[in-house]
Structure formats: C-alpha cells, structure tokens
C-alpha cells in the first residue's frame, strides 16, 4: 500500500474526537473534548472554525432538521452553528457526580447512541465501571442499554444493519451485538477482536463499504482495519502521533479517511518529538470508501 498518503490538515486539539463528514457543508466536523469546542474544517479554506461550549463535548452528529446534536457533559444537546447556541435536550447519569459522555454516533434509523465514562484522573486512568450506554430516540426519550462500562467508545453498524459494533476501551476488545433496527434493541454480545499489545487501547471506529471496521488505537499511533467475520486484522496504517482517537470517511466520494488525535497527557519532550499531536489527519489512497453518516431524526 505504498500509495497511502497522510497529511495533517488542522492542529491544536487537546483531545480531538468524533470526526463526522458534513456533506451539505463539504466539511469535517469534530470535537475537542477538554478544549470544550465543536470544530468544522473546510477543505476549501483549509481553516477550522470553532464553537465554544460550557462543558467537555465528546461527540457531534448531523441532525435531519438541520444543524447538529452533541453530547456535552452528561447532556444530549442541540447545537445551532451560526448562532453558536446550545440547548439541552435531556440529561443522563443524574445519580452520578463524576461522569461525562464519551463517543456517540447515529444509527441507520436516526437514533443517537452515546456512552458515558468516569472523569479521568489522567488520560485513560479513571474509576472503573462507572459508565453506561444510552440511546436518544427521535422522540427525545432515552433508553439505557447497560452499565458497568469503563470507557464507552467506538460504535458503528454492519452494512445490513443487523449487527452493532462497540468498544469499551479498557477491555481492549471490539465487540458485536445482534441489532434490531426496528426497535434499536441490542443483544447477544460477543468479542470479535482482541487488541495486541503494540496496538494499545481501542478508541473510535468506523466501517467501510466492504463491511470492514477501522479502529483508531489510542497510544498505538495507528488505525487498524479488521474483518468482523473472521476476527483478523487486514491492514495497519501508522500515523506520526501516538494518541490517535477516532476515524471517519469523508470527502466528495467518501474515499478520504480523517483521523483525530490528542495531545493531553503529553509532556514537553514527548510533544517536541510529535509536534502534530492533537492534529486532524487526512489519509488518501486506502483504496476503500466509507459509509455516509446518518443524521439524528429528532
């Protein structure tokens, strides 16, 4: 795969996360969790705009009625971009003082799945089993699927919509569930891939049009391509930063991969070795395309 090219297109995130291609804007959305901002990078201007928010913002998704939905602290919220206006939709984990949302994504029926985790003491160090996985339905009701989660992370759905893929980072595992698209119910959890030591911690995830999963490896400095049927790793793409956090496909034909990264938890010497830490990377030449993101239907 000598044709693979990696370019840093934007810089400056403390914890970049949740890249989503916004086809209408022809731009990449992403968040900076601890930087408390939602960002939008345009390949035309090659600039990123940002909307500041009042809490750690961990994921962003498109909304069918326009603009975006985000996970902010322990809230599902709506974001009106031009007005820089955030309104709370609903709150979760009301019985817990020390959690926040982490990764989230919209399913093919327009439901917003997102999970929580304990606030970190330092990167990937936190009180265990404090998180849960939730769904915000288009009628704005919320369902909790399960709890006892460490770091709720990457999620996506198979091309036939019958399988839900999910990562709880500190299990070092990519899991699959049976998925009922009609109801949004999940069941029959099973492991499909265990990460190897050098791959480190599984973080954000996306699927390509061949049904293969791409997983960003936090502290592993790479994204890996997995076959969920065989449990085999098919490809590794190494990046010039260790703290790769998530990935999505974008661009006009969804043939470009965008990878977010983090700089939080790195000392001066580490940052001097990896000056692009916290950058957003564009990977071209992978030879596969991705699936456009689904908008939240509520």
Foldseek 3Di string as FASTA:
>chain_A
DVPKDKDFLFFDAQFKAAWAQDQVQCWIWIFRFVQQWIWTAHPVVSDIDIQHDDAGWAYWFFAPVGAIWTFGFQFTWGADDVVSDIDTLDGPPPVDDFKGKHDWAAAQLQKIKTKMAGDAPFPPHGDFFAMWIWIQALVRDMDTQDTRAHHWAAWYAFPVRQKIWTDRFVVQFIWIWGADPVVRHTHDIDTLEHDDPLLATWHYWFAFPVRWIWTRRAQNQWIWIADSVNSDTDDIDGHLARGWHYWAFHDPQSQKIKIAFHDTPPDPVNCVSRVRGRTIMIMHDPPTGGDHGDHRHD
